[in-house]
Amino acid sequence: MTVIRISTASAAGADMPLPAYETAGSAGADLRACLPQGPVLLQPGARQLIPTGFRMEIPTGYEVQIRPRSGLALKHGVTLPNSPGTIDSDYRGEVGIIVMNSGNADFEITHGMRIAQMVVAPVVQAEFVLSDSLSDTARGQGGFGSTGGS
């Protein structure tokens, strides 16, 4: 099991629960909004950086991907516009979640609300080498929609 060390980002984060898997089979651990100063109202089309109240130490060779919660997306149109977001192993600042309301009604984010999920994933770094030619494939230079799907 990979260990992610968590530290509170401020006194406001001290009462926040750690990220947690809600079921034994969950791939993502839920993240909560740290809003002790009061709720944030997101109007349709608006986006806001929501603090979580914690910082973390991700081991080298891993990243944390930030993803939307499907229930918020389906029921309210609340999503993450840069999904999946990536947190690199060398970042030590407070984790913030960019939340967007793509729904038709205002949406209120309250202190402690589960707003996103994080997935810990291994990272492979590549070596990039300039080449005069590339190998041929059946697809070749075919772009969007070129694999036969509609």
N, C-alpha and C. Protein backbone atom coordinates (compact mmCIF):
# COMPACT_ATOMS: atom_id res chain seq x y z
N MET A 1 0.85 -1.18 0.00
CA MET A 1 0.00 0.00 0.00
C MET A 1 0.89 1.24 0.00
N THR A 2 0.54 2.22 -0.80
CA THR A 2 1.26 3.48 -0.87
C THR A 2 0.77 4.39 0.25
N VAL A 3 1.70 5.07 0.92
CA VAL A 3 1.35 5.97 2.02
C VAL A 3 1.44 7.41 1.52
N ILE A 4 0.38 8.17 1.76
CA ILE A 4 0.34 9.61 1.46
C ILE A 4 0.31 10.33 2.80
N ARG A 5 1.34 11.10 3.09
CA ARG A 5 1.36 11.87 4.34
C ARG A 5 0.53 13.13 4.17
N ILE A 6 -0.32 13.43 5.16
CA ILE A 6 -1.23 14.57 5.13
C ILE A 6 -0.88 15.53 6.26
N SER A 7 -0.94 16.81 5.96
CA SER A 7 -0.71 17.85 6.96
C SER A 7 -1.80 18.91 6.78
N THR A 8 -2.27 19.48 7.87
CA THR A 8 -3.26 20.55 7.74
C THR A 8 -2.58 21.77 7.14
N ALA A 9 -3.30 22.47 6.28
CA ALA A 9 -2.75 23.66 5.62
C ALA A 9 -2.90 24.90 6.49
N SER A 10 -3.84 24.85 7.43
CA SER A 10 -4.09 25.99 8.31
C SER A 10 -4.90 25.49 9.51
N ALA A 11 -5.13 26.36 10.46
CA ALA A 11 -5.94 25.98 11.62
C ALA A 11 -7.33 25.55 11.19
N ALA A 12 -7.84 26.14 10.10
CA ALA A 12 -9.17 25.80 9.61
C ALA A 12 -9.27 24.35 9.17
N GLY A 13 -8.15 23.78 8.71
CA GLY A 13 -8.17 22.40 8.23
C GLY A 13 -8.02 21.37 9.34
N ALA A 14 -7.74 21.80 10.56
CA ALA A 14 -7.48 20.87 11.65
C ALA A 14 -8.68 19.98 11.98
N ASP A 15 -9.91 20.47 11.75
CA ASP A 15 -11.09 19.67 12.08
C ASP A 15 -11.62 18.87 10.89
N MET A 16 -10.93 18.95 9.76
CA MET A 16 -11.41 18.27 8.55
C MET A 16 -11.01 16.79 8.58
N PRO A 17 -11.92 15.90 8.15
CA PRO A 17 -11.53 14.49 8.04
C PRO A 17 -10.49 14.31 6.93
N LEU A 18 -9.65 13.30 7.08
CA LEU A 18 -8.70 12.97 6.03
C LEU A 18 -9.46 12.46 4.81
N PRO A 19 -8.84 12.53 3.61
CA PRO A 19 -9.47 11.89 2.45
C PRO A 19 -9.77 10.44 2.82
N ALA A 20 -10.91 9.93 2.33
CA ALA A 20 -11.32 8.58 2.73
C ALA A 20 -12.01 7.86 1.59
N TYR A 21 -11.76 6.54 1.53
CA TYR A 21 -12.47 5.68 0.60
C TYR A 21 -13.80 5.32 1.27
N GLU A 22 -14.91 5.53 0.59
CA GLU A 22 -16.22 5.30 1.19
C GLU A 22 -16.62 3.83 1.21
N THR A 23 -16.05 3.02 0.29
CA THR A 23 -16.31 1.58 0.29
C THR A 23 -14.99 0.85 0.07
N ALA A 24 -14.98 -0.44 0.36
CA ALA A 24 -13.76 -1.24 0.21
C ALA A 24 -13.27 -1.28 -1.23
N GLY A 25 -14.17 -1.16 -2.20
CA GLY A 25 -13.79 -1.23 -3.61
C GLY A 25 -13.60 0.12 -4.28
N SER A 26 -13.67 1.21 -3.53
CA SER A 26 -13.53 2.55 -4.12
C SER A 26 -12.13 2.79 -4.65
N ALA A 27 -12.03 3.32 -5.86
CA ALA A 27 -10.74 3.71 -6.44
C ALA A 27 -10.35 5.11 -5.99
N GLY A 28 -11.36 5.94 -5.73
CA GLY A 28 -11.11 7.33 -5.35
C GLY A 28 -11.47 7.59 -3.90
N ALA A 29 -10.64 8.39 -3.23
CA ALA A 29 -10.91 8.84 -1.87
C ALA A 29 -11.59 10.20 -1.94
N ASP A 30 -12.67 10.36 -1.19
CA ASP A 30 -13.42 11.60 -1.23
C ASP A 30 -12.67 12.75 -0.58
N LEU A 31 -12.80 13.93 -1.19
CA LEU A 31 -12.21 15.17 -0.68
C LEU A 31 -13.34 16.10 -0.28
N ARG A 32 -13.12 16.86 0.79
CA ARG A 32 -14.16 17.73 1.34
C ARG A 32 -13.76 19.19 1.25
N ALA A 33 -14.75 20.05 1.15
CA ALA A 33 -14.55 21.49 1.13
C ALA A 33 -14.23 21.99 2.53
N CYS A 34 -13.20 22.82 2.64
CA CYS A 34 -12.84 23.44 3.92
C CYS A 34 -13.26 24.90 3.86
N LEU A 35 -14.47 25.17 4.33
CA LEU A 35 -15.05 26.50 4.23
C LEU A 35 -15.60 26.97 5.59
N PRO A 36 -14.74 27.09 6.60
CA PRO A 36 -15.24 27.50 7.92
C PRO A 36 -15.80 28.92 7.93
N GLN A 37 -15.42 29.74 6.96
CA GLN A 37 -15.92 31.11 6.88
C GLN A 37 -17.35 31.18 6.35
N GLY A 38 -17.85 30.07 5.82
CA GLY A 38 -19.22 30.03 5.31
C GLY A 38 -19.28 29.44 3.92
N PRO A 39 -20.50 29.12 3.46
CA PRO A 39 -20.66 28.45 2.17
C PRO A 39 -20.27 29.33 0.98
N VAL A 40 -20.03 28.67 -0.14
CA VAL A 40 -19.77 29.33 -1.42
C VAL A 40 -20.95 29.02 -2.32
N LEU A 41 -21.55 30.04 -2.92
CA LEU A 41 -22.66 29.86 -3.85
C LEU A 41 -22.12 29.95 -5.27
N LEU A 42 -22.26 28.85 -6.01
CA LEU A 42 -21.83 28.81 -7.41
C LEU A 42 -23.04 29.00 -8.31
N GLN A 43 -23.05 30.06 -9.05
CA GLN A 43 -24.13 30.29 -10.02
C GLN A 43 -23.85 29.45 -11.26
N PRO A 44 -24.88 29.19 -12.08
CA PRO A 44 -24.66 28.42 -13.31
C PRO A 44 -23.55 29.05 -14.16
N GLY A 45 -22.63 28.21 -14.61
CA GLY A 45 -21.51 28.67 -15.43
C GLY A 45 -20.31 29.15 -14.64
N ALA A 46 -20.45 29.36 -13.34
CA ALA A 46 -19.35 29.88 -12.52
C ALA A 46 -18.42 28.75 -12.10
N ARG A 47 -17.18 29.12 -11.80
CA ARG A 47 -16.21 28.18 -11.27
C ARG A 47 -15.46 28.86 -10.13
N GLN A 48 -14.96 28.06 -9.20
CA GLN A 48 -14.31 28.61 -8.01
C GLN A 48 -13.28 27.60 -7.50
N LEU A 49 -12.18 28.11 -6.99
CA LEU A 49 -11.19 27.26 -6.33
C LEU A 49 -11.64 27.05 -4.89
N ILE A 50 -11.88 25.80 -4.53
CA ILE A 50 -12.38 25.46 -3.20
C ILE A 50 -11.23 24.81 -2.41
N PRO A 51 -10.89 25.36 -1.25
CA PRO A 51 -9.82 24.78 -0.44
C PRO A 51 -10.27 23.49 0.25
N THR A 52 -9.30 22.61 0.50
CA THR A 52 -9.58 21.36 1.22
C THR A 52 -9.05 21.40 2.65
N GLY A 53 -8.17 22.35 2.96
CA GLY A 53 -7.63 22.46 4.31
C GLY A 53 -6.43 21.57 4.58
N PHE A 54 -5.93 20.86 3.56
CA PHE A 54 -4.77 19.99 3.80
C PHE A 54 -3.75 20.08 2.68
N ARG A 55 -2.53 19.67 3.04
CA ARG A 55 -1.41 19.51 2.11
C ARG A 55 -1.02 18.04 2.18
N MET A 56 -0.29 17.57 1.17
CA MET A 56 0.11 16.17 1.21
C MET A 56 1.47 15.96 0.59
N GLU A 57 2.09 14.85 0.99
CA GLU A 57 3.38 14.43 0.47
C GLU A 57 3.16 13.16 -0.33
N ILE A 58 3.21 13.30 -1.65
CA ILE A 58 3.00 12.18 -2.56
C ILE A 58 4.37 11.57 -2.86
N PRO A 59 4.52 10.26 -2.73
CA PRO A 59 5.83 9.65 -3.00
C PRO A 59 6.27 9.86 -4.45
N THR A 60 7.57 9.99 -4.64
CA THR A 60 8.13 10.07 -5.99
C THR A 60 7.69 8.84 -6.78
N GLY A 61 7.33 9.05 -8.04
CA GLY A 61 6.86 7.95 -8.87
C GLY A 61 5.35 7.82 -8.89
N TYR A 62 4.66 8.73 -8.17
CA TYR A 62 3.20 8.73 -8.13
C TYR A 62 2.67 10.13 -8.39
N GLU A 63 1.41 10.20 -8.74
CA GLU A 63 0.67 11.45 -8.84
C GLU A 63 -0.67 11.22 -8.14
N VAL A 64 -1.38 12.29 -7.86
CA VAL A 64 -2.76 12.19 -7.41
C VAL A 64 -3.62 12.86 -8.48
N GLN A 65 -4.60 12.12 -8.98
CA GLN A 65 -5.55 12.66 -9.95
C GLN A 65 -6.81 13.10 -9.22
N ILE A 66 -7.28 14.30 -9.55
CA ILE A 66 -8.49 14.84 -8.95
C ILE A 66 -9.62 14.71 -9.97
N ARG A 67 -10.71 14.08 -9.53
CA ARG A 67 -11.82 13.78 -10.43
C ARG A 67 -13.15 14.23 -9.83
N PRO A 68 -14.15 14.45 -10.69
CA PRO A 68 -15.47 14.83 -10.18
C PRO A 68 -16.14 13.67 -9.44
N ARG A 69 -17.12 14.01 -8.64
CA ARG A 69 -17.99 13.00 -8.03
C ARG A 69 -19.19 12.83 -8.95
N SER A 70 -19.48 11.61 -9.33
CA SER A 70 -20.54 11.36 -10.33
C SER A 70 -21.91 11.81 -9.85
N GLY A 71 -22.20 11.68 -8.57
CA GLY A 71 -23.51 12.10 -8.06
C GLY A 71 -23.72 13.59 -8.20
N LEU A 72 -22.71 14.40 -7.90
CA LEU A 72 -22.83 15.85 -8.06
C LEU A 72 -22.98 16.22 -9.53
N ALA A 73 -22.26 15.52 -10.40
CA ALA A 73 -22.36 15.81 -11.83
C ALA A 73 -23.75 15.48 -12.37
N LEU A 74 -24.28 14.32 -12.00
CA LEU A 74 -25.58 13.91 -12.51
C LEU A 74 -26.72 14.74 -11.92
N LYS A 75 -26.74 14.91 -10.63
CA LYS A 75 -27.86 15.58 -9.95
C LYS A 75 -27.85 17.09 -10.08
N HIS A 76 -26.63 17.70 -10.13
CA HIS A 76 -26.56 19.16 -10.08
C HIS A 76 -25.74 19.79 -11.21
N GLY A 77 -25.07 18.98 -12.03
CA GLY A 77 -24.22 19.54 -13.08
C GLY A 77 -22.93 20.12 -12.53
N VAL A 78 -22.53 19.71 -11.33
CA VAL A 78 -21.30 20.22 -10.72
C VAL A 78 -20.16 19.30 -11.11
N THR A 79 -19.11 19.88 -11.69
CA THR A 79 -18.01 19.09 -12.22
C THR A 79 -16.69 19.81 -11.98
N LEU A 80 -15.62 19.22 -12.45
CA LEU A 80 -14.29 19.82 -12.36
C LEU A 80 -13.81 20.08 -13.78
N PRO A 81 -13.62 21.35 -14.16
CA PRO A 81 -13.33 21.67 -15.57
C PRO A 81 -11.99 21.15 -16.07
N ASN A 82 -11.05 20.87 -15.21
CA ASN A 82 -9.73 20.37 -15.66
C ASN A 82 -9.56 18.90 -15.32
N SER A 83 -10.63 18.16 -15.38
CA SER A 83 -10.61 16.77 -14.94
C SER A 83 -9.99 15.84 -15.98
N PRO A 84 -9.14 14.90 -15.58
CA PRO A 84 -8.63 14.84 -14.22
C PRO A 84 -7.50 15.84 -14.01
N GLY A 85 -7.53 16.50 -12.88
CA GLY A 85 -6.43 17.38 -12.49
C GLY A 85 -5.30 16.53 -11.94
N THR A 86 -4.09 16.99 -12.06
CA THR A 86 -2.93 16.25 -11.56
C THR A 86 -2.25 17.04 -10.46
N ILE A 87 -1.93 16.35 -9.37
CA ILE A 87 -1.07 16.91 -8.33
C ILE A 87 0.23 16.12 -8.38
N ASP A 88 1.33 16.82 -8.64
CA ASP A 88 2.64 16.19 -8.79
C ASP A 88 3.25 15.87 -7.43
N SER A 89 4.18 14.93 -7.43
CA SER A 89 4.79 14.47 -6.18
C SER A 89 5.64 15.54 -5.50
N ASP A 90 6.05 16.58 -6.21
CA ASP A 90 6.88 17.62 -5.58
C ASP A 90 6.08 18.84 -5.12
N TYR A 91 4.75 18.80 -5.24
CA TYR A 91 3.90 19.91 -4.76
C TYR A 91 3.61 19.74 -3.28
N ARG A 92 3.77 20.82 -2.51
CA ARG A 92 3.54 20.74 -1.06
C ARG A 92 2.54 21.78 -0.56
N GLY A 93 1.87 22.49 -1.46
CA GLY A 93 0.89 23.50 -1.04
C GLY A 93 -0.46 22.89 -0.73
N GLU A 94 -1.38 23.74 -0.30
CA GLU A 94 -2.73 23.27 0.00
C GLU A 94 -3.40 22.75 -1.26
N VAL A 95 -4.12 21.65 -1.11
CA VAL A 95 -4.87 21.09 -2.22
C VAL A 95 -6.13 21.92 -2.40
N GLY A 96 -6.31 22.43 -3.61
CA GLY A 96 -7.50 23.19 -3.96
C GLY A 96 -8.19 22.50 -5.12
N ILE A 97 -9.51 22.56 -5.13
CA ILE A 97 -10.30 21.89 -6.16
C ILE A 97 -11.02 22.95 -6.98
N ILE A 98 -10.81 22.96 -8.30
CA ILE A 98 -11.54 23.88 -9.18
C ILE A 98 -12.89 23.25 -9.47
N VAL A 99 -13.94 23.86 -8.95
CA VAL A 99 -15.30 23.33 -9.09
C VAL A 99 -16.08 24.25 -10.02
N MET A 100 -16.86 23.65 -10.92
CA MET A 100 -17.67 24.42 -11.87
C MET A 100 -19.12 23.95 -11.83
N ASN A 101 -20.02 24.90 -11.89
CA ASN A 101 -21.44 24.59 -11.95
C ASN A 101 -21.88 24.66 -13.40
N SER A 102 -22.05 23.51 -14.03
CA SER A 102 -22.54 23.47 -15.42
C SER A 102 -24.04 23.21 -15.45
N GLY A 103 -24.67 23.26 -14.29
CA GLY A 103 -26.11 23.04 -14.20
C GLY A 103 -26.90 24.31 -14.48
N ASN A 104 -28.21 24.24 -14.21
CA ASN A 104 -29.12 25.36 -14.50
C ASN A 104 -29.53 26.14 -13.27
N ALA A 105 -29.11 25.70 -12.08
CA ALA A 105 -29.50 26.36 -10.84
C ALA A 105 -28.27 26.64 -9.98
N ASP A 106 -28.39 27.61 -9.08
CA ASP A 106 -27.32 27.87 -8.13
C ASP A 106 -27.01 26.60 -7.34
N PHE A 107 -25.74 26.46 -6.94
CA PHE A 107 -25.34 25.32 -6.13
C PHE A 107 -24.51 25.82 -4.97
N GLU A 108 -24.86 25.40 -3.76
CA GLU A 108 -24.16 25.84 -2.56
C GLU A 108 -23.18 24.77 -2.09
N ILE A 109 -21.93 25.18 -1.93
CA ILE A 109 -20.90 24.29 -1.38
C ILE A 109 -20.70 24.69 0.07
N THR A 110 -20.85 23.72 0.96
CA THR A 110 -20.77 23.99 2.39
C THR A 110 -19.53 23.33 3.00
N HIS A 111 -19.17 23.80 4.18
CA HIS A 111 -18.02 23.27 4.92
C HIS A 111 -18.21 21.77 5.16
N GLY A 112 -17.21 20.98 4.78
CA GLY A 112 -17.25 19.54 5.00
C GLY A 112 -17.92 18.74 3.89
N MET A 113 -18.50 19.41 2.89
CA MET A 113 -19.18 18.72 1.78
C MET A 113 -18.16 17.96 0.94
N ARG A 114 -18.51 16.75 0.54
CA ARG A 114 -17.66 15.97 -0.37
C ARG A 114 -17.81 16.57 -1.77
N ILE A 115 -16.71 17.08 -2.32
CA ILE A 115 -16.79 17.82 -3.59
C ILE A 115 -16.02 17.17 -4.73
N ALA A 116 -15.13 16.24 -4.44
CA ALA A 116 -14.31 15.62 -5.48
C ALA A 116 -13.75 14.32 -4.93
N GLN A 117 -13.01 13.62 -5.77
CA GLN A 117 -12.32 12.42 -5.31
C GLN A 117 -10.91 12.42 -5.87
N MET A 118 -10.03 11.76 -5.15
CA MET A 118 -8.64 11.67 -5.61
C MET A 118 -8.25 10.22 -5.81
N VAL A 119 -7.51 9.99 -6.89
CA VAL A 119 -7.01 8.66 -7.22
C VAL A 119 -5.49 8.73 -7.25
N VAL A 120 -4.84 7.85 -6.51
CA VAL A 120 -3.38 7.77 -6.49
C VAL A 120 -2.96 6.86 -7.65
N ALA A 121 -2.04 7.35 -8.49
CA ALA A 121 -1.66 6.58 -9.68
C ALA A 121 -0.14 6.63 -9.89
N PRO A 122 0.43 5.53 -10.39
CA PRO A 122 1.87 5.54 -10.71
C PRO A 122 2.12 6.41 -11.94
N VAL A 123 3.32 6.95 -12.01
CA VAL A 123 3.73 7.81 -13.12
C VAL A 123 4.96 7.20 -13.78
N VAL A 124 4.96 7.18 -15.08
CA VAL A 124 6.13 6.77 -15.86
C VAL A 124 6.61 7.99 -16.61
N GLN A 125 7.85 8.37 -16.42
CA GLN A 125 8.42 9.48 -17.18
C GLN A 125 9.18 8.91 -18.37
N ALA A 126 9.07 9.61 -19.49
CA ALA A 126 9.69 9.17 -20.74
C ALA A 126 10.91 10.02 -21.07
N GLU A 127 11.73 9.49 -21.92
CA GLU A 127 12.81 10.28 -22.51
C GLU A 127 12.34 10.68 -23.90
N PHE A 128 12.41 11.96 -24.22
CA PHE A 128 11.96 12.45 -25.52
C PHE A 128 13.16 12.62 -26.42
N VAL A 129 13.12 11.98 -27.60
CA VAL A 129 14.24 11.96 -28.53
C VAL A 129 13.75 12.48 -29.88
N LEU A 130 14.42 13.46 -30.42
CA LEU A 130 14.09 14.00 -31.74
C LEU A 130 14.47 12.97 -32.80
N SER A 131 13.53 12.71 -33.74
CA SER A 131 13.77 11.72 -34.78
C SER A 131 13.34 12.28 -36.12
N ASP A 132 14.02 11.89 -37.19
CA ASP A 132 13.67 12.33 -38.54
C ASP A 132 12.49 11.55 -39.10
N SER A 133 12.18 10.38 -38.52
CA SER A 133 11.07 9.57 -39.03
C SER A 133 10.44 8.78 -37.89
N LEU A 134 9.20 8.35 -38.13
CA LEU A 134 8.46 7.53 -37.17
C LEU A 134 7.98 6.28 -37.89
N SER A 135 7.74 5.21 -37.14
CA SER A 135 7.27 3.97 -37.76
C SER A 135 5.86 4.16 -38.31
N ASP A 136 5.51 3.38 -39.34
CA ASP A 136 4.18 3.43 -39.94
C ASP A 136 3.21 2.57 -39.14
N THR A 137 1.91 2.98 -39.16
CA THR A 137 0.84 2.19 -38.55
C THR A 137 -0.35 2.18 -39.50
N ALA A 138 -1.32 1.32 -39.26
CA ALA A 138 -2.52 1.28 -40.09
C ALA A 138 -3.28 2.60 -40.01
N ARG A 139 -3.28 3.23 -38.87
CA ARG A 139 -4.00 4.50 -38.68
C ARG A 139 -3.25 5.65 -39.32
N GLY A 140 -1.94 5.63 -39.24
CA GLY A 140 -1.15 6.71 -39.83
C GLY A 140 -1.42 8.05 -39.17
N GLN A 141 -1.74 9.07 -39.98
CA GLN A 141 -1.96 10.41 -39.48
C GLN A 141 -3.43 10.70 -39.22
N GLY A 142 -4.28 9.68 -39.25
CA GLY A 142 -5.72 9.90 -39.02
C GLY A 142 -5.95 10.51 -37.65
N GLY A 143 -6.74 11.58 -37.61
CA GLY A 143 -7.00 12.31 -36.35
C GLY A 143 -8.31 11.92 -35.72
N PHE A 144 -9.00 12.91 -35.21
CA PHE A 144 -10.25 12.72 -34.48
C PHE A 144 -11.25 11.93 -35.32
N GLY A 145 -11.79 10.87 -34.75
CA GLY A 145 -12.81 10.07 -35.43
C GLY A 145 -12.27 9.11 -36.48
N SER A 146 -10.95 8.98 -36.57
CA SER A 146 -10.38 8.15 -37.64
C SER A 146 -10.30 6.66 -37.29
N THR A 147 -10.69 6.29 -36.09
CA THR A 147 -10.56 4.87 -35.70
C THR A 147 -11.84 4.08 -35.98
N GLY A 148 -12.77 4.68 -36.72
CA GLY A 148 -13.98 3.94 -37.10
C GLY A 148 -15.19 4.22 -36.22
N GLY A 149 -15.00 4.89 -35.10
CA GLY A 149 -16.13 5.22 -34.22
C GLY A 149 -16.87 6.44 -34.74
N SER A 150 -18.09 6.60 -34.28
CA SER A 150 -18.84 7.80 -34.71
C SER A 150 -19.06 8.74 -33.57
